[in-house]
Amino acid sequence: GELPSEVIKLDPEEFWTGDWTPGKIIAVATRRDILVGFYVNK
């Protein structure tokens, strides 16, 4: 029921600035919903 410890949790404002860390999973979490984002090297 929990995300792994290596996931970087941000608030919505920080998440949507798009300033993510390559190689890390970024998330915004509420009680029932978790939004996840990460970079992919195409």
Full PDB file with SEQRES, HELIX, SHEET, SSBOND, CRYST1, ORIGX, SCALE, CONECT and MASTER records, all heavy atoms in Angstrom:
SEQRES   1 A   42  GLY GLU LEU PRO SER GLU VAL ILE LYS LEU ASP PRO GLU          
SEQRES   2 A   42  GLU PHE TRP THR GLY ASP TRP THR PRO GLY LYS ILE ILE          
SEQRES   3 A   42  ALA VAL ALA THR ARG ARG ASP ILE LEU VAL GLY PHE TYR          
SEQRES   4 A   42  VAL ASN LYS                                                  
HELIX    1 AA1 PRO A   12  PHE A   15  1                                   4    
SHEET    1 AA1 3 ILE A   8  LYS A   9  0                                        
SHEET    2 AA1 3 ILE A  26  ALA A  29  1                                        
SHEET    3 AA1 3 ILE A  34  GLY A  37 -1                                        
CRYST1    1.000    1.000    1.000  90.00  90.00  90.00 P 1           1          
ORIGX1      1.000000  0.000000  0.000000        0.00000                         
ORIGX2      0.000000  1.000000  0.000000        0.00000                         
ORIGX3      0.000000  0.000000  1.000000        0.00000                         
SCALE1      1.000000  0.000000  0.000000        0.00000                         
SCALE2      0.000000  1.000000  0.000000        0.00000                         
SCALE3      0.000000  0.000000  1.000000        0.00000                         
ATOM      1  N   GLY A   1       0.806  -1.218   0.000  1.00  0.00           N  
ATOM      2  CA  GLY A   1       0.000   0.000   0.000  1.00  0.00           C  
ATOM      3  C   GLY A   1       0.834   1.260   0.000  1.00  0.00           C  
ATOM      4  O   GLY A   1       0.288   2.359   0.134  1.00  0.00           O  
ATOM      5  N   GLU A   2       2.143   1.128  -0.153  1.00  0.00           N  
ATOM      6  CA  GLU A   2       3.038   2.281  -0.103  1.00  0.00           C  
ATOM      7  C   GLU A   2       4.012   2.254  -1.278  1.00  0.00           C  
ATOM      8  O   GLU A   2       4.338   1.188  -1.819  1.00  0.00           O  
ATOM      9  CB  GLU A   2       3.823   2.299   1.209  1.00  0.00           C  
ATOM     10  CG  GLU A   2       2.944   2.443   2.442  1.00  0.00           C  
ATOM     11  CD  GLU A   2       3.764   2.469   3.720  1.00  0.00           C  
ATOM     12  OE1 GLU A   2       5.011   2.319   3.616  1.00  0.00           O  
ATOM     13  OE2 GLU A   2       3.174   2.633   4.795  1.00  0.00           O  
ATOM     14  N   LEU A   3       4.487   3.448  -1.636  1.00  0.00           N  
ATOM     15  CA  LEU A   3       5.514   3.559  -2.672  1.00  0.00           C  
ATOM     16  C   LEU A   3       6.875   3.198  -2.100  1.00  0.00           C  
ATOM     17  O   LEU A   3       7.109   3.356  -0.895  1.00  0.00           O  
ATOM     18  CB  LEU A   3       5.557   4.996  -3.218  1.00  0.00           C  
ATOM     19  CG  LEU A   3       4.345   5.472  -4.016  1.00  0.00           C  
ATOM     20  CD1 LEU A   3       4.431   6.980  -4.239  1.00  0.00           C  
ATOM     21  CD2 LEU A   3       4.251   4.739  -5.343  1.00  0.00           C  
ATOM     22  N   PRO A   4       7.791   2.723  -2.937  1.00  0.00           N  
ATOM     23  CA  PRO A   4       9.145   2.424  -2.435  1.00  0.00           C  
ATOM     24  C   PRO A   4       9.840   3.693  -1.960  1.00  0.00           C  
ATOM     25  O   PRO A   4       9.526   4.808  -2.400  1.00  0.00           O  
ATOM     26  CB  PRO A   4       9.842   1.815  -3.656  1.00  0.00           C  
ATOM     27  CG  PRO A   4       9.039   2.255  -4.835  1.00  0.00           C  
ATOM     28  CD  PRO A   4       7.637   2.383  -4.364  1.00  0.00           C  
ATOM     29  N   SER A   5      10.790   3.527  -1.090  1.00  0.00           N  
ATOM     30  CA  SER A   5      11.442   4.677  -0.447  1.00  0.00           C  
ATOM     31  C   SER A   5      12.214   5.547  -1.426  1.00  0.00           C  
ATOM     32  O   SER A   5      12.417   6.740  -1.182  1.00  0.00           O  
ATOM     33  CB  SER A   5      12.389   4.181   0.656  1.00  0.00           C  
ATOM     34  OG  SER A   5      13.362   3.289   0.112  1.00  0.00           O  
ATOM     35  N   GLU A   6      12.662   4.959  -2.549  1.00  0.00           N  
ATOM     36  CA  GLU A   6      13.460   5.752  -3.491  1.00  0.00           C  
ATOM     37  C   GLU A   6      12.632   6.709  -4.340  1.00  0.00           C  
ATOM     38  O   GLU A   6      13.169   7.550  -5.064  1.00  0.00           O  
ATOM     39  CB  GLU A   6      14.278   4.842  -4.410  1.00  0.00           C  
ATOM     40  CG  GLU A   6      13.446   3.961  -5.337  1.00  0.00           C  
ATOM     41  CD  GLU A   6      13.168   2.585  -4.756  1.00  0.00           C  
ATOM     42  OE1 GLU A   6      13.237   2.456  -3.516  1.00  0.00           O  
ATOM     43  OE2 GLU A   6      12.905   1.657  -5.529  1.00  0.00           O  
ATOM     44  N   VAL A   7      11.309   6.592  -4.280  1.00  0.00           N  
ATOM     45  CA  VAL A   7      10.449   7.502  -5.035  1.00  0.00           C  
ATOM     46  C   VAL A   7      10.507   8.892  -4.410  1.00  0.00           C  
ATOM     47  O   VAL A   7      10.404   9.051  -3.184  1.00  0.00           O  
ATOM     48  CB  VAL A   7       8.996   6.985  -5.059  1.00  0.00           C  
ATOM     49  CG1 VAL A   7       8.061   8.043  -5.663  1.00  0.00           C  
ATOM     50  CG2 VAL A   7       8.902   5.693  -5.857  1.00  0.00           C  
ATOM     51  N   ILE A   8      10.674   9.909  -5.228  1.00  0.00           N  
ATOM     52  CA  ILE A   8      10.719  11.298  -4.760  1.00  0.00           C  
ATOM     53  C   ILE A   8       9.297  11.861  -4.738  1.00  0.00           C  
ATOM     54  O   ILE A   8       8.655  11.975  -5.779  1.00  0.00           O  
ATOM     55  CB  ILE A   8      11.616  12.161  -5.660  1.00  0.00           C  
ATOM     56  CG1 ILE A   8      13.045  11.610  -5.683  1.00  0.00           C  
ATOM     57  CG2 ILE A   8      11.614  13.612  -5.190  1.00  0.00           C  
ATOM     58  CD1 ILE A   8      13.983  12.350  -6.624  1.00  0.00           C  
ATOM     59  N   LYS A   9       8.814  12.207  -3.553  1.00  0.00           N  
ATOM     60  CA  LYS A   9       7.462  12.734  -3.414  1.00  0.00           C  
ATOM     61  C   LYS A   9       7.501  14.262  -3.398  1.00  0.00           C  
ATOM     62  O   LYS A   9       8.262  14.870  -2.629  1.00  0.00           O  
ATOM     63  CB  LYS A   9       6.808  12.211  -2.133  1.00  0.00           C  
ATOM     64  CG  LYS A   9       6.603  10.697  -2.133  1.00  0.00           C  
ATOM     65  CD  LYS A   9       5.936  10.234  -0.848  1.00  0.00           C  
ATOM     66  CE  LYS A   9       5.751   8.724  -0.831  1.00  0.00           C  
ATOM     67  NZ  LYS A   9       5.121   8.256   0.426  1.00  0.00           N  
ATOM     68  N   LEU A  10       6.696  14.854  -4.244  1.00  0.00           N  
ATOM     69  CA  LEU A  10       6.622  16.310  -4.348  1.00  0.00           C  
ATOM     70  C   LEU A  10       5.182  16.768  -4.168  1.00  0.00           C  
ATOM     71  O   LEU A  10       4.252  15.965  -4.257  1.00  0.00           O  
ATOM     72  CB  LEU A  10       7.148  16.772  -5.712  1.00  0.00           C  
ATOM     73  CG  LEU A  10       8.576  16.374  -6.098  1.00  0.00           C  
ATOM     74  CD1 LEU A  10       8.880  16.849  -7.513  1.00  0.00           C  
ATOM     75  CD2 LEU A  10       9.584  16.962  -5.116  1.00  0.00           C  
ATOM     76  N   ASP A  11       5.016  18.077  -3.933  1.00  0.00           N  
ATOM     77  CA  ASP A  11       3.661  18.618  -3.948  1.00  0.00           C  
ATOM     78  C   ASP A  11       3.301  18.933  -5.405  1.00  0.00           C  
ATOM     79  O   ASP A  11       4.169  18.925  -6.283  1.00  0.00           O  
ATOM     80  CB  ASP A  11       3.548  19.858  -3.055  1.00  0.00           C  
ATOM     81  CG  ASP A  11       4.471  20.989  -3.481  1.00  0.00           C  
ATOM     82  OD1 ASP A  11       4.687  21.158  -4.706  1.00  0.00           O  
ATOM     83  OD2 ASP A  11       4.971  21.709  -2.611  1.00  0.00           O  
ATOM     84  N   PRO A  12       2.022  19.177  -5.702  1.00  0.00           N  
ATOM     85  CA  PRO A  12       1.615  19.380  -7.099  1.00  0.00           C  
ATOM     86  C   PRO A  12       2.370  20.494  -7.806  1.00  0.00           C  
ATOM     87  O   PRO A  12       2.731  20.360  -8.987  1.00  0.00           O  
ATOM     88  CB  PRO A  12       0.124  19.702  -6.979  1.00  0.00           C  
ATOM     89  CG  PRO A  12      -0.311  19.022  -5.733  1.00  0.00           C  
ATOM     90  CD  PRO A  12       0.856  19.139  -4.792  1.00  0.00           C  
ATOM     91  N   GLU A  13       2.613  21.618  -7.116  1.00  0.00           N  
ATOM     92  CA  GLU A  13       3.302  22.736  -7.758  1.00  0.00           C  
ATOM     93  C   GLU A  13       4.704  22.338  -8.209  1.00  0.00           C  
ATOM     94  O   GLU A  13       5.137  22.659  -9.319  1.00  0.00           O  
ATOM     95  CB  GLU A  13       3.374  23.931  -6.802  1.00  0.00           C  
ATOM     96  CG  GLU A  13       2.070  24.696  -6.632  1.00  0.00           C  
ATOM     97  CD  GLU A  13       1.055  23.947  -5.772  1.00  0.00           C  
ATOM     98  OE1 GLU A  13       1.447  22.958  -5.109  1.00  0.00           O  
ATOM     99  OE2 GLU A  13      -0.120  24.323  -5.772  1.00  0.00           O  
ATOM    100  N   GLU A  14       5.425  21.608  -7.336  1.00  0.00           N  
ATOM    101  CA  GLU A  14       6.788  21.188  -7.680  1.00  0.00           C  
ATOM    102  C   GLU A  14       6.772  20.148  -8.796  1.00  0.00           C  
ATOM    103  O   GLU A  14       7.590  20.196  -9.721  1.00  0.00           O  
ATOM    104  CB  GLU A  14       7.472  20.607  -6.440  1.00  0.00           C  
ATOM    105  CG  GLU A  14       7.757  21.619  -5.340  1.00  0.00           C  
ATOM    106  CD  GLU A  14       8.330  20.966  -4.103  1.00  0.00           C  
ATOM    107  OE1 GLU A  14       7.743  19.983  -3.617  1.00  0.00           O  
ATOM    108  OE2 GLU A  14       9.382  21.434  -3.626  1.00  0.00           O  
ATOM    109  N   PHE A  15       5.849  19.212  -8.707  1.00  0.00           N  
ATOM    110  CA  PHE A  15       5.787  18.139  -9.707  1.00  0.00           C  
ATOM    111  C   PHE A  15       5.580  18.703 -11.102  1.00  0.00           C  
ATOM    112  O   PHE A  15       6.257  18.310 -12.059  1.00  0.00           O  
ATOM    113  CB  PHE A  15       4.647  17.183  -9.349  1.00  0.00           C  
ATOM    114  CG  PHE A  15       4.474  16.042 -10.315  1.00  0.00           C  
ATOM    115  CD1 PHE A  15       5.102  14.828 -10.094  1.00  0.00           C  
ATOM    116  CD2 PHE A  15       3.675  16.168 -11.448  1.00  0.00           C  
ATOM    117  CE1 PHE A  15       4.941  13.763 -10.977  1.00  0.00           C  
ATOM    118  CE2 PHE A  15       3.505  15.119 -12.337  1.00  0.00           C  
ATOM    119  CZ  PHE A  15       4.146  13.916 -12.104  1.00  0.00           C  
ATOM    120  N   TRP A  16       4.639  19.632 -11.239  1.00  0.00           N  
ATOM    121  CA  TRP A  16       4.267  20.118 -12.573  1.00  0.00           C  
ATOM    122  C   TRP A  16       5.201  21.187 -13.121  1.00  0.00           C  
ATOM    123  O   TRP A  16       5.017  21.632 -14.254  1.00  0.00           O  
ATOM    124  CB  TRP A  16       2.830  20.602 -12.562  1.00  0.00           C  
ATOM    125  CG  TRP A  16       1.859  19.467 -12.437  1.00  0.00           C  
ATOM    126  CD1 TRP A  16       1.161  19.093 -11.328  1.00  0.00           C  
ATOM    127  CD2 TRP A  16       1.494  18.529 -13.465  1.00  0.00           C  
ATOM    128  NE1 TRP A  16       0.386  17.986 -11.586  1.00  0.00           N  
ATOM    129  CE2 TRP A  16       0.564  17.626 -12.891  1.00  0.00           C  
ATOM    130  CE3 TRP A  16       1.860  18.374 -14.806  1.00  0.00           C  
ATOM    131  CZ2 TRP A  16       0.011  16.582 -13.623  1.00  0.00           C  
ATOM    132  CZ3 TRP A  16       1.312  17.337 -15.531  1.00  0.00           C  
ATOM    133  CH2 TRP A  16       0.396  16.456 -14.957  1.00  0.00           C  
ATOM    134  N   THR A  17       6.209  21.586 -12.349  1.00  0.00           N  
ATOM    135  CA  THR A  17       7.234  22.446 -12.954  1.00  0.00           C  
ATOM    136  C   THR A  17       8.051  21.645 -13.959  1.00  0.00           C  
ATOM    137  O   THR A  17       8.701  22.217 -14.835  1.00  0.00           O  
ATOM    138  CB  THR A  17       8.180  23.022 -11.886  1.00  0.00           C  
ATOM    139  OG1 THR A  17       8.835  21.948 -11.203  1.00  0.00           O  
ATOM    140  CG2 THR A  17       7.424  23.901 -10.892  1.00  0.00           C  
ATOM    141  N   GLY A  18       8.011  20.303 -13.823  1.00  0.00           N  
ATOM    142  CA  GLY A  18       8.729  19.445 -14.752  1.00  0.00           C  
ATOM    143  C   GLY A  18      10.211  19.335 -14.478  1.00  0.00           C  
ATOM    144  O   GLY A  18      10.955  18.764 -15.275  1.00  0.00           O  
ATOM    145  N   ASP A  19      10.655  19.868 -13.347  1.00  0.00           N  
ATOM    146  CA  ASP A  19      12.080  19.814 -13.009  1.00  0.00           C  
ATOM    147  C   ASP A  19      12.358  18.487 -12.300  1.00  0.00           C  
ATOM    148  O   ASP A  19      12.572  18.440 -11.083  1.00  0.00           O  
ATOM    149  CB  ASP A  19      12.448  20.998 -12.120  1.00  0.00           C  
ATOM    150  CG  ASP A  19      13.947  21.083 -11.870  1.00  0.00           C  
ATOM    151  OD1 ASP A  19      14.705  20.435 -12.620  1.00  0.00           O  
ATOM    152  OD2 ASP A  19      14.350  21.789 -10.927  1.00  0.00           O  
ATOM    153  N   TRP A  20      12.336  17.413 -13.080  1.00  0.00           N  
ATOM    154  CA  TRP A  20      12.502  16.077 -12.520  1.00  0.00           C  
ATOM    155  C   TRP A  20      13.968  15.644 -12.512  1.00  0.00           C  
ATOM    156  O   TRP A  20      14.797  16.205 -13.233  1.00  0.00           O  
ATOM    157  CB  TRP A  20      11.683  15.059 -13.319  1.00  0.00           C  
ATOM    158  CG  TRP A  20      10.210  15.325 -13.331  1.00  0.00           C  
ATOM    159  CD1 TRP A  20       9.517  16.215 -12.561  1.00  0.00           C  
ATOM    160  CD2 TRP A  20       9.246  14.695 -14.169  1.00  0.00           C  
ATOM    161  NE1 TRP A  20       8.183  16.177 -12.854  1.00  0.00           N  
ATOM    162  CE2 TRP A  20       7.977  15.248 -13.841  1.00  0.00           C  
ATOM    163  CE3 TRP A  20       9.310  13.719 -15.156  1.00  0.00           C  
ATOM    164  CZ2 TRP A  20       6.808  14.851 -14.475  1.00  0.00           C  
ATOM    165  CZ3 TRP A  20       8.138  13.316 -15.785  1.00  0.00           C  
ATOM    166  CH2 TRP A  20       6.897  13.877 -15.444  1.00  0.00           C  
ATOM    167  N   THR A  21      14.241  14.615 -11.716  1.00  0.00           N  
ATOM    168  CA  THR A  21      15.586  14.052 -11.652  1.00  0.00           C  
ATOM    169  C   THR A  21      15.659  12.812 -12.544  1.00  0.00           C  
ATOM    170  O   THR A  21      14.911  11.856 -12.329  1.00  0.00           O  
ATOM    171  CB  THR A  21      15.940  13.655 -10.204  1.00  0.00           C  
ATOM    172  OG1 THR A  21      15.844  14.799  -9.362  1.00  0.00           O  
ATOM    173  CG2 THR A  21      17.350  13.077 -10.130  1.00  0.00           C  
ATOM    174  N   PRO A  22      16.508  12.808 -13.558  1.00  0.00           N  
ATOM    175  CA  PRO A  22      16.620  11.624 -14.422  1.00  0.00           C  
ATOM    176  C   PRO A  22      17.004  10.380 -13.621  1.00  0.00           C  
ATOM    177  O   PRO A  22      17.833  10.442 -12.704  1.00  0.00           O  
ATOM    178  CB  PRO A  22      17.732  12.015 -15.401  1.00  0.00           C  
ATOM    179  CG  PRO A  22      17.712  13.508 -15.424  1.00  0.00           C  
ATOM    180  CD  PRO A  22      17.362  13.917 -14.028  1.00  0.00           C  
ATOM    181  N   GLY A  23      16.369   9.270 -13.944  1.00  0.00           N  
ATOM    182  CA  GLY A  23      16.652   8.026 -13.238  1.00  0.00           C  
ATOM    183  C   GLY A  23      15.882   7.871 -11.941  1.00  0.00           C  
ATOM    184  O   GLY A  23      16.078   6.887 -11.212  1.00  0.00           O  
ATOM    185  N   LYS A  24      14.999   8.826 -11.616  1.00  0.00           N  
ATOM    186  CA  LYS A  24      14.185   8.759 -10.406  1.00  0.00           C  
ATOM    187  C   LYS A  24      12.698   8.803 -10.770  1.00  0.00           C  
ATOM    188  O   LYS A  24      12.293   9.434 -11.749  1.00  0.00           O  
ATOM    189  CB  LYS A  24      14.506   9.923  -9.469  1.00  0.00           C  
ATOM    190  CG  LYS A  24      15.909   9.901  -8.888  1.00  0.00           C  
ATOM    191  CD  LYS A  24      16.075   8.738  -7.904  1.00  0.00           C  
ATOM    192  CE  LYS A  24      17.435   8.771  -7.243  1.00  0.00           C  
ATOM    193  NZ  LYS A  24      17.610   7.674  -6.248  1.00  0.00           N  
ATOM    194  N   ILE A  25      11.904   8.152  -9.937  1.00  0.00           N  
ATOM    195  CA  ILE A  25      10.452   8.181 -10.085  1.00  0.00           C  
ATOM    196  C   ILE A  25       9.922   9.310  -9.215  1.00  0.00           C  
ATOM    197  O   ILE A  25      10.253   9.404  -8.028  1.00  0.00           O  
ATOM    198  CB  ILE A  25       9.829   6.837  -9.664  1.00  0.00           C  
ATOM    199  CG1 ILE A  25      10.368   5.705 -10.527  1.00  0.00           C  
ATOM    200  CG2 ILE A  25       8.307   6.896  -9.778  1.00  0.00           C  
ATOM    201  CD1 ILE A  25       9.973   4.317 -10.040  1.00  0.00           C  
ATOM    202  N   ILE A  26       9.123  10.176  -9.804  1.00  0.00           N  
ATOM    203  CA  ILE A  26       8.572  11.339  -9.099  1.00  0.00           C  
ATOM    204  C   ILE A  26       7.085  11.102  -8.877  1.00  0.00           C  
ATOM    205  O   ILE A  26       6.389  10.562  -9.743  1.00  0.00           O  
ATOM    206  CB  ILE A  26       8.778  12.631  -9.924  1.00  0.00           C  
ATOM    207  CG1 ILE A  26      10.194  12.669 -10.541  1.00  0.00           C  
ATOM    208  CG2 ILE A  26       8.527  13.861  -9.069  1.00  0.00           C  
ATOM    209  CD1 ILE A  26      11.310  12.659  -9.533  1.00  0.00           C  
ATOM    210  N   ALA A  27       6.575  11.516  -7.709  1.00  0.00           N  
ATOM    211  CA  ALA A  27       5.165  11.219  -7.412  1.00  0.00           C  
ATOM    212  C   ALA A  27       4.508  12.330  -6.610  1.00  0.00           C  
ATOM    213  O   ALA A  27       5.160  13.057  -5.852  1.00  0.00           O  
ATOM    214  CB  ALA A  27       5.059   9.903  -6.651  1.00  0.00           C  
ATOM    215  N   VAL A  28       3.196  12.449  -6.813  1.00  0.00           N  
ATOM    216  CA  VAL A  28       2.322  13.270  -5.976  1.00  0.00           C  
ATOM    217  C   VAL A  28       1.281  12.308  -5.421  1.00  0.00           C  
ATOM    218  O   VAL A  28       0.584  11.627  -6.179  1.00  0.00           O  
ATOM    219  CB  VAL A  28       1.622  14.383  -6.777  1.00  0.00           C  
ATOM    220  CG1 VAL A  28       0.675  15.167  -5.874  1.00  0.00           C  
ATOM    221  CG2 VAL A  28       2.637  15.307  -7.409  1.00  0.00           C  
ATOM    222  N   ALA A  29       1.181  12.229  -4.109  1.00  0.00           N  
ATOM    223  CA  ALA A  29       0.317  11.215  -3.506  1.00  0.00           C  
ATOM    224  C   ALA A  29      -0.752  11.840  -2.612  1.00  0.00           C  
ATOM    225  O   ALA A  29      -0.481  12.768  -1.847  1.00  0.00           O  
ATOM    226  CB  ALA A  29       1.156  10.226  -2.698  1.00  0.00           C  
ATOM    227  N   THR A  30      -1.979  11.343  -2.754  1.00  0.00           N  
ATOM    228  CA  THR A  30      -3.059  11.644  -1.827  1.00  0.00           C  
ATOM    229  C   THR A  30      -3.513  10.310  -1.225  1.00  0.00           C  
ATOM    230  O   THR A  30      -2.916   9.272  -1.464  1.00  0.00           O  
ATOM    231  CB  THR A  30      -4.228  12.345  -2.526  1.00  0.00           C  
ATOM    232  OG1 THR A  30      -4.791  11.455  -3.516  1.00  0.00           O  
ATOM    233  CG2 THR A  30      -3.770  13.622  -3.199  1.00  0.00           C  
ATOM    234  N   ARG A  31      -4.582  10.361  -0.466  1.00  0.00           N  
ATOM    235  CA  ARG A  31      -5.023   9.146   0.227  1.00  0.00           C  
ATOM    236  C   ARG A  31      -5.432   8.043  -0.739  1.00  0.00           C  
ATOM    237  O   ARG A  31      -5.193   6.873  -0.489  1.00  0.00           O  
ATOM    238  CB  ARG A  31      -6.192   9.488   1.161  1.00  0.00           C  
ATOM    239  CG  ARG A  31      -6.599   8.352   2.099  1.00  0.00           C  
ATOM    240  CD  ARG A  31      -7.615   8.832   3.108  1.00  0.00           C  
ATOM    241  NE  ARG A  31      -8.832   9.290   2.457  1.00  0.00           N  
ATOM    242  CZ  ARG A  31      -9.861   8.490   2.179  1.00  0.00           C  
ATOM    243  NH1 ARG A  31      -9.802   7.204   2.474  1.00  0.00           N  
ATOM    244  NH2 ARG A  31     -10.953   8.974   1.605  1.00  0.00           N  
ATOM    245  N   ARG A  32      -6.048   8.414  -1.857  1.00  0.00           N  
ATOM    246  CA  ARG A  32      -6.583   7.405  -2.779  1.00  0.00           C  
ATOM    247  C   ARG A  32      -5.962   7.451  -4.174  1.00  0.00           C  
ATOM    248  O   ARG A  32      -6.227   6.573  -4.988  1.00  0.00           O  
ATOM    249  CB  ARG A  32      -8.108   7.562  -2.911  1.00  0.00           C  
ATOM    250  CG  ARG A  32      -8.874   7.331  -1.629  1.00  0.00           C  
ATOM    251  CD  ARG A  32     -10.361   7.499  -1.865  1.00  0.00           C  
ATOM    252  NE  ARG A  32     -10.863   6.487  -2.782  1.00  0.00           N  
ATOM    253  CZ  ARG A  32     -11.357   5.314  -2.384  1.00  0.00           C  
ATOM    254  NH1 ARG A  32     -11.388   5.004  -1.115  1.00  0.00           N  
ATOM    255  NH2 ARG A  32     -11.815   4.452  -3.268  1.00  0.00           N  
ATOM    256  N   ASP A  33      -5.148   8.457  -4.446  1.00  0.00           N  
ATOM    257  CA  ASP A  33      -4.590   8.604  -5.792  1.00  0.00           C  
ATOM    258  C   ASP A  33      -3.104   8.933  -5.718  1.00  0.00           C  
ATOM    259  O   ASP A  33      -2.665   9.698  -4.853  1.00  0.00           O  
ATOM    260  CB  ASP A  33      -5.322   9.708  -6.561  1.00  0.00           C  
ATOM    261  CG  ASP A  33      -6.797   9.407  -6.725  1.00  0.00           C  
ATOM    262  OD1 ASP A  33      -7.126   8.506  -7.507  1.00  0.00           O  
ATOM    263  OD2 ASP A  33      -7.616  10.065  -6.065  1.00  0.00           O  
ATOM    264  N   ILE A  34      -2.359   8.357  -6.663  1.00  0.00           N  
ATOM    265  CA  ILE A  34      -0.923   8.628  -6.769  1.00  0.00           C  
ATOM    266  C   ILE A  34      -0.598   8.932  -8.224  1.00  0.00           C  
ATOM    267  O   ILE A  34      -0.820   8.105  -9.109  1.00  0.00           O  
ATOM    268  CB  ILE A  34      -0.079   7.435  -6.291  1.00  0.00           C  
ATOM    269  CG1 ILE A  34      -0.401   7.093  -4.836  1.00  0.00           C  
ATOM    270  CG2 ILE A  34       1.411   7.758  -6.428  1.00  0.00           C  
ATOM    271  CD1 ILE A  34       0.307   5.845  -4.339  1.00  0.00           C  
ATOM    272  N   LEU A  35      -0.101  10.139  -8.451  1.00  0.00           N  
ATOM    273  CA  LEU A  35       0.342  10.538  -9.781  1.00  0.00           C  
ATOM    274  C   LEU A  35       1.841  10.300  -9.875  1.00  0.00           C  
ATOM    275  O   LEU A  35       2.602  10.747  -9.009  1.00  0.00           O  
ATOM    276  CB  LEU A  35       0.013  12.010 -10.017  1.00  0.00           C  
ATOM    277  CG  LEU A  35       0.511  12.627 -11.324  1.00  0.00           C  
ATOM    278  CD1 LEU A  35      -0.185  11.991 -12.522  1.00  0.00           C  
ATOM    279  CD2 LEU A  35       0.275  14.143 -11.315  1.00  0.00           C  
ATOM    280  N   VAL A  36       2.268   9.578 -10.904  1.00  0.00           N  
ATOM    281  CA  VAL A  36       3.670   9.203 -11.053  1.00  0.00           C  
ATOM    282  C   VAL A  36       4.206   9.737 -12.382  1.00  0.00           C  
ATOM    283  O   VAL A  36       3.509   9.701 -13.406  1.00  0.00           O  
ATOM    284  CB  VAL A  36       3.843   7.672 -11.004  1.00  0.00           C  
ATOM    285  CG1 VAL A  36       5.258   7.260 -11.404  1.00  0.00           C  
ATOM    286  CG2 VAL A  36       3.521   7.152  -9.608  1.00  0.00           C  
ATOM    287  N   GLY A  37       5.435  10.213 -12.356  1.00  0.00           N  
ATOM    288  CA  GLY A  37       6.085  10.672 -13.578  1.00  0.00           C  
ATOM    289  C   GLY A  37       7.563  10.353 -13.549  1.00  0.00           C  
ATOM    290  O   GLY A  37       8.175  10.293 -12.473  1.00  0.00           O  
ATOM    291  N   PHE A  38       8.151  10.140 -14.705  1.00  0.00           N  
ATOM    292  CA  PHE A  38       9.598   9.948 -14.793  1.00  0.00           C  
ATOM    293  C   PHE A  38      10.061  10.175 -16.226  1.00  0.00           C  
ATOM    294  O   PHE A  38       9.277  10.143 -17.175  1.00  0.00           O  
ATOM    295  CB  PHE A  38      10.029   8.560 -14.294  1.00  0.00           C  
ATOM    296  CG  PHE A  38       9.300   7.408 -14.940  1.00  0.00           C  
ATOM    297  CD1 PHE A  38       9.739   6.853 -16.141  1.00  0.00           C  
ATOM    298  CD2 PHE A  38       8.191   6.851 -14.329  1.00  0.00           C  
ATOM    299  CE1 PHE A  38       9.086   5.782 -16.725  1.00  0.00           C  
ATOM    300  CE2 PHE A  38       7.518   5.774 -14.899  1.00  0.00           C  
ATOM    301  CZ  PHE A  38       7.965   5.240 -16.105  1.00  0.00           C  
ATOM    302  N   TYR A  39      11.370  10.431 -16.340  1.00  0.00           N  
ATOM    303  CA  TYR A  39      11.979  10.632 -17.658  1.00  0.00           C  
ATOM    304  C   TYR A  39      12.303   9.284 -18.290  1.00  0.00           C  
ATOM    305  O   TYR A  39      12.690   8.327 -17.619  1.00  0.00           O  
ATOM    306  CB  TYR A  39      13.288  11.419 -17.533  1.00  0.00           C  
ATOM    307  CG  TYR A  39      13.135  12.914 -17.415  1.00  0.00           C  
ATOM    308  CD1 TYR A  39      13.796  13.614 -16.401  1.00  0.00           C  
ATOM    309  CD2 TYR A  39      12.379  13.630 -18.329  1.00  0.00           C  
ATOM    310  CE1 TYR A  39      13.687  15.000 -16.298  1.00  0.00           C  
ATOM    311  CE2 TYR A  39      12.270  15.009 -18.229  1.00  0.00           C  
ATOM    312  CZ  TYR A  39      12.920  15.684 -17.213  1.00  0.00           C  
ATOM    313  OH  TYR A  39      12.804  17.047 -17.119  1.00  0.00           O  
ATOM    314  N   VAL A  40      12.197   9.249 -19.612  1.00  0.00           N  
ATOM    315  CA  VAL A  40      12.623   8.101 -20.395  1.00  0.00           C  
ATOM    316  C   VAL A  40      13.564   8.602 -21.483  1.00  0.00           C  
ATOM    317  O   VAL A  40      13.283   9.622 -22.139  1.00  0.00           O  
ATOM    318  CB  VAL A  40      11.415   7.373 -21.028  1.00  0.00           C  
ATOM    319  CG1 VAL A  40      11.877   6.376 -22.082  1.00  0.00           C  
ATOM    320  CG2 VAL A  40      10.601   6.662 -19.963  1.00  0.00           C  
ATOM    321  N   ASN A  41      14.695   7.910 -21.645  1.00  0.00           N  
ATOM    322  CA  ASN A  41      15.634   8.248 -22.708  1.00  0.00           C  
ATOM    323  C   ASN A  41      15.232   7.484 -23.963  1.00  0.00           C  
ATOM    324  O   ASN A  41      15.454   6.276 -24.069  1.00  0.00           O  
ATOM    325  CB  ASN A  41      17.059   7.888 -22.286  1.00  0.00           C  
ATOM    326  CG  ASN A  41      18.080   8.270 -23.345  1.00  0.00           C  
ATOM    327  OD1 ASN A  41      17.743   8.897 -24.360  1.00  0.00           O  
ATOM    328  ND2 ASN A  41      19.334   7.903 -23.112  1.00  0.00           N  
ATOM    329  N   LYS A  42      14.626   8.179 -24.904  1.00  0.00           N  
ATOM    330  CA  LYS A  42      14.136   7.521 -26.121  1.00  0.00           C  
ATOM    331  C   LYS A  42      15.274   7.014 -27.001  1.00  0.00           C  
ATOM    332  O   LYS A  42      15.082   6.116 -27.824  1.00  0.00           O  
ATOM    333  CB  LYS A  42      13.268   8.505 -26.917  1.00  0.00           C  
ATOM    334  CG  LYS A  42      12.007   8.931 -26.188  1.00  0.00           C  
ATOM    335  CD  LYS A  42      11.186   9.892 -27.018  1.00  0.00           C  
ATOM    336  CE  LYS A  42      11.885  11.238 -27.156  1.00  0.00           C  
ATOM    337  NZ  LYS A  42      11.057  12.207 -27.938  1.00  0.00           N  
TER     338      LYS A  42                                                      
MASTER        0    0    0    1    3    0    0    6  337    1    0    4          
END                                                                             
